[in-house]
């Protein structure tokens, strides 16, 4: 496991609204296992999710984002290259 600096730029597009873009820079860790790359970092107050640990798993054209927060709460999101996902 190596120390890294992670820069994440996110963009959300809302129907009938301007797009919302955010940039987040933090320190984290990176390692490789079973043909996948994992990056782990702690969320900060800036992201609005302080107290959560986030793991990004990059495998082929997919990315899995998994957050685990205080008290055992968590969430997972999946992304795939050239695919658009909608949520409510």
PDB file of N, CA and C in Angstrom:
ATOM      1  N   UNK A   1       0.859  -1.172   0.000  1.00  0.00           N
ATOM      2  CA  UNK A   1       0.000   0.000   0.000  1.00  0.00           C
ATOM      3  C   UNK A   1       0.904   1.235   0.000  1.00  0.00           C
ATOM      4  N   UNK A   2       0.605   2.172  -0.903  1.00  0.00           N
ATOM      5  CA  UNK A   2       1.392   3.406  -1.022  1.00  0.00           C
ATOM      6  C   UNK A   2       0.542   4.619  -0.690  1.00  0.00           C
ATOM      7  N   UNK A   3       1.181   5.671  -0.195  1.00  0.00           N
ATOM      8  CA  UNK A   3       0.513   6.955   0.034  1.00  0.00           C
ATOM      9  C   UNK A   3       0.380   7.692  -1.292  1.00  0.00           C
ATOM     10  N   UNK A   4      -0.767   8.337  -1.497  1.00  0.00           N
ATOM     11  CA  UNK A   4      -1.006   9.114  -2.714  1.00  0.00           C
ATOM     12  C   UNK A   4      -1.803  10.372  -2.377  1.00  0.00           C
ATOM     13  N   UNK A   5      -1.851  11.297  -3.324  1.00  0.00           N
ATOM     14  CA  UNK A   5      -2.758  12.439  -3.276  1.00  0.00           C
ATOM     15  C   UNK A   5      -3.812  12.199  -4.347  1.00  0.00           C
ATOM     16  N   UNK A   6      -5.079  12.302  -3.954  1.00  0.00           N
ATOM     17  CA  UNK A   6      -6.195  12.023  -4.850  1.00  0.00           C
ATOM     18  C   UNK A   6      -6.913  13.330  -5.178  1.00  0.00           C
ATOM     19  N   UNK A   7      -7.180  13.538  -6.464  1.00  0.00           N
ATOM     20  CA  UNK A   7      -7.965  14.690  -6.913  1.00  0.00           C
ATOM     21  C   UNK A   7      -9.197  14.156  -7.626  1.00  0.00           C
ATOM     22  N   UNK A   8     -10.364  14.491  -7.095  1.00  0.00           N
ATOM     23  CA  UNK A   8     -11.625  14.029  -7.674  1.00  0.00           C
ATOM     24  C   UNK A   8     -12.413  15.239  -8.146  1.00  0.00           C
ATOM     25  N   UNK A   9     -12.824  15.202  -9.402  1.00  0.00           N
ATOM     26  CA  UNK A   9     -13.692  16.238  -9.949  1.00  0.00           C
ATOM     27  C   UNK A   9     -15.016  15.573 -10.298  1.00  0.00           C
ATOM     28  N   UNK A  10     -16.081  16.050  -9.687  1.00  0.00           N
ATOM     29  CA  UNK A  10     -17.404  15.491  -9.927  1.00  0.00           C
ATOM     30  C   UNK A  10     -18.308  16.504 -10.602  1.00  0.00           C
ATOM     31  N   UNK A  11     -19.175  16.009 -11.454  1.00  0.00           N
ATOM     32  CA  UNK A  11     -20.108  16.893 -12.147  1.00  0.00           C
ATOM     33  C   UNK A  11     -21.487  16.250 -12.112  1.00  0.00           C
ATOM     34  N   UNK A  12     -22.475  17.012 -11.703  1.00  0.00           N
ATOM     35  CA  UNK A  12     -23.855  16.549 -11.723  1.00  0.00           C
ATOM     36  C   UNK A  12     -24.651  17.463 -12.633  1.00  0.00           C
ATOM     37  N   UNK A  13     -25.493  16.844 -13.442  1.00  0.00           N
ATOM     38  CA  UNK A  13     -26.339  17.594 -14.362  1.00  0.00           C
ATOM     39  C   UNK A  13     -27.786  17.375 -13.941  1.00  0.00           C
ATOM     40  N   UNK A  14     -28.469  18.462 -13.671  1.00  0.00           N
ATOM     41  CA  UNK A  14     -29.861  18.405 -13.240  1.00  0.00           C
ATOM     42  C   UNK A  14     -30.751  18.895 -14.378  1.00  0.00           C
ATOM     43  N   UNK A  15     -31.870  18.261 -14.551  1.00  0.00           N
ATOM     44  CA  UNK A  15     -32.810  18.671 -15.576  1.00  0.00           C
ATOM     45  C   UNK A  15     -33.284  20.093 -15.284  1.00  0.00           C
ATOM     46  N   UNK A  16     -33.232  20.964 -16.292  1.00  0.00           N
ATOM     47  CA  UNK A  16     -33.681  22.358 -16.204  1.00  0.00           C
ATOM     48  C   UNK A  16     -32.872  23.193 -15.214  1.00  0.00           C
ATOM     49  N   UNK A  17     -31.636  22.796 -14.912  1.00  0.00           N
ATOM     50  CA  UNK A  17     -30.759  23.562 -14.032  1.00  0.00           C
ATOM     51  C   UNK A  17     -29.344  23.552 -14.604  1.00  0.00           C
ATOM     52  N   UNK A  18     -28.528  24.477 -14.111  1.00  0.00           N
ATOM     53  CA  UNK A  18     -27.128  24.466 -14.502  1.00  0.00           C
ATOM     54  C   UNK A  18     -26.439  23.252 -13.894  1.00  0.00           C
ATOM     55  N   UNK A  19     -25.362  22.817 -14.534  1.00  0.00           N
ATOM     56  CA  UNK A  19     -24.637  21.701 -13.957  1.00  0.00           C
ATOM     57  C   UNK A  19     -23.848  22.155 -12.736  1.00  0.00           C
ATOM     58  N   UNK A  20     -23.617  21.240 -11.830  1.00  0.00           N
ATOM     59  CA  UNK A  20     -22.933  21.502 -10.570  1.00  0.00           C
ATOM     60  C   UNK A  20     -21.623  20.732 -10.589  1.00  0.00           C
ATOM     61  N   UNK A  21     -20.493  21.448 -10.405  1.00  0.00           N
ATOM     62  CA  UNK A  21     -19.197  20.789 -10.431  1.00  0.00           C
ATOM     63  C   UNK A  21     -18.472  21.030  -9.111  1.00  0.00           C
ATOM     64  N   UNK A  22     -17.769  20.007  -8.630  1.00  0.00           N
ATOM     65  CA  UNK A  22     -17.051  20.077  -7.373  1.00  0.00           C
ATOM     66  C   UNK A  22     -15.682  19.436  -7.547  1.00  0.00           C
ATOM     67  N   UNK A  23     -14.685  19.971  -6.863  1.00  0.00           N
ATOM     68  CA  UNK A  23     -13.352  19.387  -6.893  1.00  0.00           C
ATOM     69  C   UNK A  23     -12.896  19.129  -5.465  1.00  0.00           C
ATOM     70  N   UNK A  24     -12.278  17.975  -5.252  1.00  0.00           N
ATOM     71  CA  UNK A  24     -11.886  17.537  -3.920  1.00  0.00           C
ATOM     72  C   UNK A  24     -10.473  16.963  -4.011  1.00  0.00           C
ATOM     73  N   UNK A  25      -9.553  17.443  -3.174  1.00  0.00           N
ATOM     74  CA  UNK A  25      -8.185  16.942  -3.140  1.00  0.00           C
ATOM     75  C   UNK A  25      -7.910  16.455  -1.724  1.00  0.00           C
ATOM     76  N   UNK A  26      -7.381  15.224  -1.597  1.00  0.00           N
ATOM     77  CA  UNK A  26      -7.127  14.644  -0.284  1.00  0.00           C
ATOM     78  C   UNK A  26      -5.985  13.634  -0.365  1.00  0.00           C
ATOM     79  N   UNK A  27      -5.459  13.271   0.782  1.00  0.00           N
ATOM     80  CA  UNK A  27      -4.450  12.220   0.854  1.00  0.00           C
ATOM     81  C   UNK A  27      -5.144  10.884   1.014  1.00  0.00           C
ATOM     82  N   UNK A  28      -4.538   9.839   0.477  1.00  0.00           N
ATOM     83  CA  UNK A  28      -5.117   8.515   0.587  1.00  0.00           C
ATOM     84  C   UNK A  28      -4.072   7.435   0.411  1.00  0.00           C
ATOM     85  N   UNK A  29      -4.539   6.228   0.187  1.00  0.00           N
ATOM     86  CA  UNK A  29      -3.689   5.051  -0.019  1.00  0.00           C
ATOM     87  C   UNK A  29      -4.126   4.364  -1.303  1.00  0.00           C
ATOM     88  N   UNK A  30      -3.200   3.657  -1.937  1.00  0.00           N
ATOM     89  CA  UNK A  30      -3.500   2.912  -3.155  1.00  0.00           C
ATOM     90  C   UNK A  30      -2.833   1.540  -3.090  1.00  0.00           C
ATOM     91  N   UNK A  31      -3.529   0.520  -3.608  1.00  0.00           N
ATOM     92  CA  UNK A  31      -2.946  -0.810  -3.721  1.00  0.00           C
ATOM     93  C   UNK A  31      -3.644  -1.562  -4.845  1.00  0.00           C
ATOM     94  N   UNK A  32      -3.034  -2.653  -5.294  1.00  0.00           N
ATOM     95  CA  UNK A  32      -3.600  -3.465  -6.369  1.00  0.00           C
ATOM     96  C   UNK A  32      -3.816  -4.882  -5.855  1.00  0.00           C
ATOM     97  N   UNK A  33      -4.967  -5.467  -6.232  1.00  0.00           N
ATOM     98  CA  UNK A  33      -5.288  -6.838  -5.856  1.00  0.00           C
ATOM     99  C   UNK A  33      -6.214  -7.433  -6.912  1.00  0.00           C
ATOM    100  N   UNK A  34      -5.908  -8.649  -7.370  1.00  0.00           N
ATOM    101  CA  UNK A  34      -6.754  -9.381  -8.318  1.00  0.00           C
ATOM    102  C   UNK A  34      -7.196  -8.539  -9.511  1.00  0.00           C
ATOM    103  N   UNK A  35      -6.267  -7.925 -10.221  1.00  0.00           N
ATOM    104  CA  UNK A  35      -6.536  -7.128 -11.427  1.00  0.00           C
ATOM    105  C   UNK A  35      -7.395  -5.905 -11.184  1.00  0.00           C
ATOM    106  N   UNK A  36      -7.471  -5.423  -9.957  1.00  0.00           N
ATOM    107  CA  UNK A  36      -8.206  -4.197  -9.637  1.00  0.00           C
ATOM    108  C   UNK A  36      -7.293  -3.267  -8.845  1.00  0.00           C
ATOM    109  N   UNK A  37      -7.511  -1.970  -8.997  1.00  0.00           N
ATOM    110  CA  UNK A  37      -6.778  -0.954  -8.243  1.00  0.00           C
ATOM    111  C   UNK A  37      -7.737  -0.366  -7.218  1.00  0.00           C
ATOM    112  N   UNK A  38      -7.285  -0.255  -5.975  1.00  0.00           N
ATOM    113  CA  UNK A  38      -8.086   0.282  -4.881  1.00  0.00           C
ATOM    114  C   UNK A  38      -7.455   1.565  -4.371  1.00  0.00           C
ATOM    115  N   UNK A  39      -8.281   2.585  -4.162  1.00  0.00           N
ATOM    116  CA  UNK A  39      -7.853   3.825  -3.526  1.00  0.00           C
ATOM    117  C   UNK A  39      -8.760   4.069  -2.330  1.00  0.00           C
ATOM    118  N   UNK A  40      -8.157   4.403  -1.207  1.00  0.00           N
ATOM    119  CA  UNK A  40      -8.913   4.600   0.034  1.00  0.00           C
ATOM    120  C   UNK A  40      -8.591   5.985   0.584  1.00  0.00           C
ATOM    121  N   UNK A  41      -9.619   6.693   1.022  1.00  0.00           N
ATOM    122  CA  UNK A  41      -9.404   8.001   1.643  1.00  0.00           C
ATOM    123  C   UNK A  41     -10.521   8.300   2.629  1.00  0.00           C
ATOM    124  N   UNK A  42     -10.233   9.214   3.550  1.00  0.00           N
ATOM    125  CA  UNK A  42     -11.219   9.677   4.521  1.00  0.00           C
ATOM    126  C   UNK A  42     -11.897  10.924   3.986  1.00  0.00           C
ATOM    127  N   UNK A  43     -13.220  10.945   4.037  1.00  0.00           N
ATOM    128  CA  UNK A  43     -13.976  12.131   3.632  1.00  0.00           C
ATOM    129  C   UNK A  43     -13.720  13.251   4.650  1.00  0.00           C
ATOM    130  N   UNK A  44     -13.902  14.480   4.217  1.00  0.00           N
ATOM    131  CA  UNK A  44     -13.660  15.625   5.092  1.00  0.00           C
ATOM    132  C   UNK A  44     -14.941  16.440   5.262  1.00  0.00           C
ATOM    133  N   UNK A  45     -14.853  17.425   6.074  1.00  0.00           N
ATOM    134  CA  UNK A  45     -15.988  18.333   6.298  1.00  0.00           C
ATOM    135  C   UNK A  45     -16.396  19.019   4.999  1.00  0.00           C
ATOM    136  N   UNK A  46     -15.412  19.284   4.132  1.00  0.00           N
ATOM    137  CA  UNK A  46     -15.680  19.954   2.852  1.00  0.00           C
ATOM    138  C   UNK A  46     -16.649  19.141   2.002  1.00  0.00           C
ATOM    139  N   UNK A  47     -16.519  17.820   2.027  1.00  0.00           N
ATOM    140  CA  UNK A  47     -17.387  16.969   1.210  1.00  0.00           C
ATOM    141  C   UNK A  47     -18.765  16.788   1.838  1.00  0.00           C
ATOM    142  N   UNK A  48     -18.895  17.191   3.105  1.00  0.00           N
ATOM    143  CA  UNK A  48     -20.163  17.009   3.798  1.00  0.00           C
ATOM    144  C   UNK A  48     -20.341  15.607   4.349  1.00  0.00           C
ATOM    145  N   UNK A  49     -19.298  14.792   4.287  1.00  0.00           N
ATOM    146  CA  UNK A  49     -19.385  13.398   4.752  1.00  0.00           C
ATOM    147  C   UNK A  49     -18.256  13.068   5.725  1.00  0.00           C
ATOM    148  N   UNK A  50     -17.917  14.026   6.562  1.00  0.00           N
ATOM    149  CA  UNK A  50     -16.854  13.817   7.539  1.00  0.00           C
ATOM    150  C   UNK A  50     -17.165  12.596   8.390  1.00  0.00           C
ATOM    151  N   UNK A  51     -16.144  11.783   8.653  1.00  0.00           N
ATOM    152  CA  UNK A  51     -16.328  10.566   9.425  1.00  0.00           C
ATOM    153  C   UNK A  51     -16.535   9.336   8.577  1.00  0.00           C
ATOM    154  N   UNK A  52     -16.608   9.499   7.232  1.00  0.00           N
ATOM    155  CA  UNK A  52     -16.763   8.362   6.325  1.00  0.00           C
ATOM    156  C   UNK A  52     -15.416   7.996   5.710  1.00  0.00           C
ATOM    157  N   UNK A  53     -15.225   6.713   5.479  1.00  0.00           N
ATOM    158  CA  UNK A  53     -14.071   6.220   4.737  1.00  0.00           C
ATOM    159  C   UNK A  53     -14.588   5.758   3.377  1.00  0.00           C
ATOM    160  N   UNK A  54     -13.934   6.224   2.322  1.00  0.00           N
ATOM    161  CA  UNK A  54     -14.354   5.891   0.962  1.00  0.00           C
ATOM    162  C   UNK A  54     -13.317   5.008   0.292  1.00  0.00           C
ATOM    163  N   UNK A  55     -13.796   3.960  -0.377  1.00  0.00           N
ATOM    164  CA  UNK A  55     -12.941   3.083  -1.170  1.00  0.00           C
ATOM    165  C   UNK A  55     -13.403   3.145  -2.617  1.00  0.00           C
ATOM    166  N   UNK A  56     -12.466   3.402  -3.517  1.00  0.00           N
ATOM    167  CA  UNK A  56     -12.717   3.365  -4.952  1.00  0.00           C
ATOM    168  C   UNK A  56     -12.059   2.108  -5.501  1.00  0.00           C
ATOM    169  N   UNK A  57     -12.818   1.304  -6.230  1.00  0.00           N
ATOM    170  CA  UNK A  57     -12.280   0.098  -6.860  1.00  0.00           C
ATOM    171  C   UNK A  57     -12.371   0.274  -8.374  1.00  0.00           C
ATOM    172  N   UNK A  58     -11.220   0.316  -9.044  1.00  0.00           N
ATOM    173  CA  UNK A  58     -11.155   0.459 -10.488  1.00  0.00           C
ATOM    174  C   UNK A  58     -10.821  -0.897 -11.091  1.00  0.00           C
ATOM    175  N   UNK A  59     -11.704  -1.394 -11.948  1.00  0.00           N
ATOM    176  CA  UNK A  59     -11.501  -2.691 -12.569  1.00  0.00           C
ATOM    177  C   UNK A  59     -12.035  -2.631 -13.995  1.00  0.00           C
ATOM    178  N   UNK A  60     -11.137  -2.712 -14.980  1.00  0.00           N
ATOM    179  CA  UNK A  60     -11.564  -2.591 -16.372  1.00  0.00           C
ATOM    180  C   UNK A  60     -12.209  -1.241 -16.610  1.00  0.00           C
ATOM    181  N   UNK A  61     -13.421  -1.240 -17.144  1.00  0.00           N
ATOM    182  CA  UNK A  61     -14.152  -0.002 -17.422  1.00  0.00           C
ATOM    183  C   UNK A  61     -15.161   0.338 -16.334  1.00  0.00           C
ATOM    184  N   UNK A  62     -15.022  -0.260 -15.161  1.00  0.00           N
ATOM    185  CA  UNK A  62     -15.972   0.013 -14.083  1.00  0.00           C
ATOM    186  C   UNK A  62     -15.279   0.603 -12.865  1.00  0.00           C
ATOM    187  N   UNK A  63     -16.041   1.358 -12.110  1.00  0.00           N
ATOM    188  CA  UNK A  63     -15.580   1.943 -10.860  1.00  0.00           C
ATOM    189  C   UNK A  63     -16.663   1.716  -9.818  1.00  0.00           C
ATOM    190  N   UNK A  64     -16.265   1.243  -8.661  1.00  0.00           N
ATOM    191  CA  UNK A  64     -17.192   1.082  -7.541  1.00  0.00           C
ATOM    192  C   UNK A  64     -16.745   2.023  -6.440  1.00  0.00           C
ATOM    193  N   UNK A  65     -17.655   2.840  -5.957  1.00  0.00           N
ATOM    194  CA  UNK A  65     -17.396   3.749  -4.857  1.00  0.00           C
ATOM    195  C   UNK A  65     -18.173   3.231  -3.653  1.00  0.00           C
ATOM    196  N   UNK A  66     -17.462   2.952  -2.577  1.00  0.00           N
ATOM    197  CA  UNK A  66     -18.098   2.422  -1.375  1.00  0.00           C
ATOM    198  C   UNK A  66     -17.735   3.307  -0.198  1.00  0.00           C
ATOM    199  N   UNK A  67     -18.759   3.801   0.498  1.00  0.00           N
ATOM    200  CA  UNK A  67     -18.546   4.639   1.682  1.00  0.00           C
ATOM    201  C   UNK A  67     -19.052   3.924   2.921  1.00  0.00           C
ATOM    202  N   UNK A  68     -18.233   3.960   3.957  1.00  0.00           N
ATOM    203  CA  UNK A  68     -18.637   3.419   5.245  1.00  0.00           C
ATOM    204  C   UNK A  68     -18.494   4.546   6.254  1.00  0.00           C
ATOM    205  N   UNK A  69     -19.592   4.824   6.971  1.00  0.00           N
ATOM    206  CA  UNK A  69     -19.590   5.929   7.900  1.00  0.00           C
ATOM    207  C   UNK A  69     -19.678   5.500   9.344  1.00  0.00           C
ATOM    208  N   UNK A  70     -19.698   6.493  10.197  1.00  0.00           N
ATOM    209  CA  UNK A  70     -19.825   6.242  11.623  1.00  0.00           C
ATOM    210  C   UNK A  70     -21.133   5.513  11.895  1.00  0.00           C
ATOM    211  N   UNK A  71     -21.103   4.577  12.821  1.00  0.00           N
ATOM    212  CA  UNK A  71     -22.303   3.837  13.171  1.00  0.00           C
ATOM    213  C   UNK A  71     -22.643   2.727  12.197  1.00  0.00           C
ATOM    214  N   UNK A  72     -21.716   2.428  11.257  1.00  0.00           N
ATOM    215  CA  UNK A  72     -21.942   1.319  10.344  1.00  0.00           C
ATOM    216  C   UNK A  72     -22.767   1.650   9.116  1.00  0.00           C
ATOM    217  N   UNK A  73     -23.192   2.907   8.953  1.00  0.00           N
ATOM    218  CA  UNK A  73     -23.968   3.252   7.759  1.00  0.00           C
ATOM    219  C   UNK A  73     -23.041   3.322   6.560  1.00  0.00           C
ATOM    220  N   UNK A  74     -23.584   3.096   5.378  1.00  0.00           N
ATOM    221  CA  UNK A  74     -22.752   3.136   4.193  1.00  0.00           C
ATOM    222  C   UNK A  74     -23.566   3.168   2.925  1.00  0.00           C
ATOM    223  N   UNK A  75     -22.854   3.327   1.820  1.00  0.00           N
ATOM    224  CA  UNK A  75     -23.504   3.342   0.522  1.00  0.00           C
ATOM    225  C   UNK A  75     -22.517   2.859  -0.533  1.00  0.00           C
ATOM    226  N   UNK A  76     -23.056   2.393  -1.658  1.00  0.00           N
ATOM    227  CA  UNK A  76     -22.239   1.977  -2.784  1.00  0.00           C
ATOM    228  C   UNK A  76     -22.818   2.551  -4.064  1.00  0.00           C
ATOM    229  N   UNK A  77     -21.932   2.996  -4.946  1.00  0.00           N
ATOM    230  CA  UNK A  77     -22.308   3.493  -6.260  1.00  0.00           C
ATOM    231  C   UNK A  77     -21.443   2.790  -7.296  1.00  0.00           C
ATOM    232  N   UNK A  78     -22.026   2.472  -8.444  1.00  0.00           N
ATOM    233  CA  UNK A  78     -21.306   1.833  -9.531  1.00  0.00           C
ATOM    234  C   UNK A  78     -21.332   2.738 -10.758  1.00  0.00           C
ATOM    235  N   UNK A  79     -20.187   2.807 -11.442  1.00  0.00           N
ATOM    236  CA  UNK A  79     -20.066   3.589 -12.658  1.00  0.00           C
ATOM    237  C   UNK A  79     -19.414   2.720 -13.716  1.00  0.00           C
ATOM    238  N   UNK A  80     -19.811   2.969 -14.976  1.00  0.00           N
ATOM    239  CA  UNK A  80     -19.225   2.236 -16.086  1.00  0.00           C
ATOM    240  C   UNK A  80     -18.929   3.214 -17.209  1.00  0.00           C
ATOM    241  N   UNK A  81     -17.770   3.051 -17.838  1.00  0.00           N
ATOM    242  CA  UNK A  81     -17.341   3.944 -18.911  1.00  0.00           C
ATOM    243  C   UNK A  81     -18.410   4.013 -19.999  1.00  0.00           C
ATOM    244  N   UNK A  82     -18.669   5.231 -20.471  1.00  0.00           N
ATOM    245  CA  UNK A  82     -19.635   5.531 -21.533  1.00  0.00           C
ATOM    246  C   UNK A  82     -21.066   5.199 -21.163  1.00  0.00           C
ATOM    247  N   UNK A  83     -21.371   5.071 -19.880  1.00  0.00           N
ATOM    248  CA  UNK A  83     -22.727   4.829 -19.426  1.00  0.00           C
ATOM    249  C   UNK A  83     -23.192   5.996 -18.566  1.00  0.00           C
ATOM    250  N   UNK A  84     -24.443   6.350 -18.672  1.00  0.00           N
ATOM    251  CA  UNK A  84     -25.008   7.421 -17.874  1.00  0.00           C
ATOM    252  C   UNK A  84     -25.989   6.790 -16.891  1.00  0.00           C
ATOM    253  N   UNK A  85     -25.860   7.187 -15.638  1.00  0.00           N
ATOM    254  CA  UNK A  85     -26.720   6.672 -14.605  1.00  0.00           C
ATOM    255  C   UNK A  85     -27.534   7.811 -14.013  1.00  0.00           C
ATOM    256  N   UNK A  86     -28.785   7.565 -13.757  1.00  0.00           N
ATOM    257  CA  UNK A  86     -29.681   8.558 -13.162  1.00  0.00           C
ATOM    258  C   UNK A  86     -30.105   8.081 -11.772  1.00  0.00           C
ATOM    259  N   UNK A  87     -30.233   9.021 -10.865  1.00  0.00           N
ATOM    260  CA  UNK A  87     -30.739   8.674  -9.529  1.00  0.00           C
ATOM    261  C   UNK A  87     -31.711   9.742  -9.079  1.00  0.00           C
ATOM    262  N   UNK A  88     -32.552   9.386  -8.120  1.00  0.00           N
ATOM    263  CA  UNK A  88     -33.528  10.336  -7.600  1.00  0.00           C
ATOM    264  C   UNK A  88     -33.307  10.551  -6.135  1.00  0.00           C
TER     265      UNK A  88
END
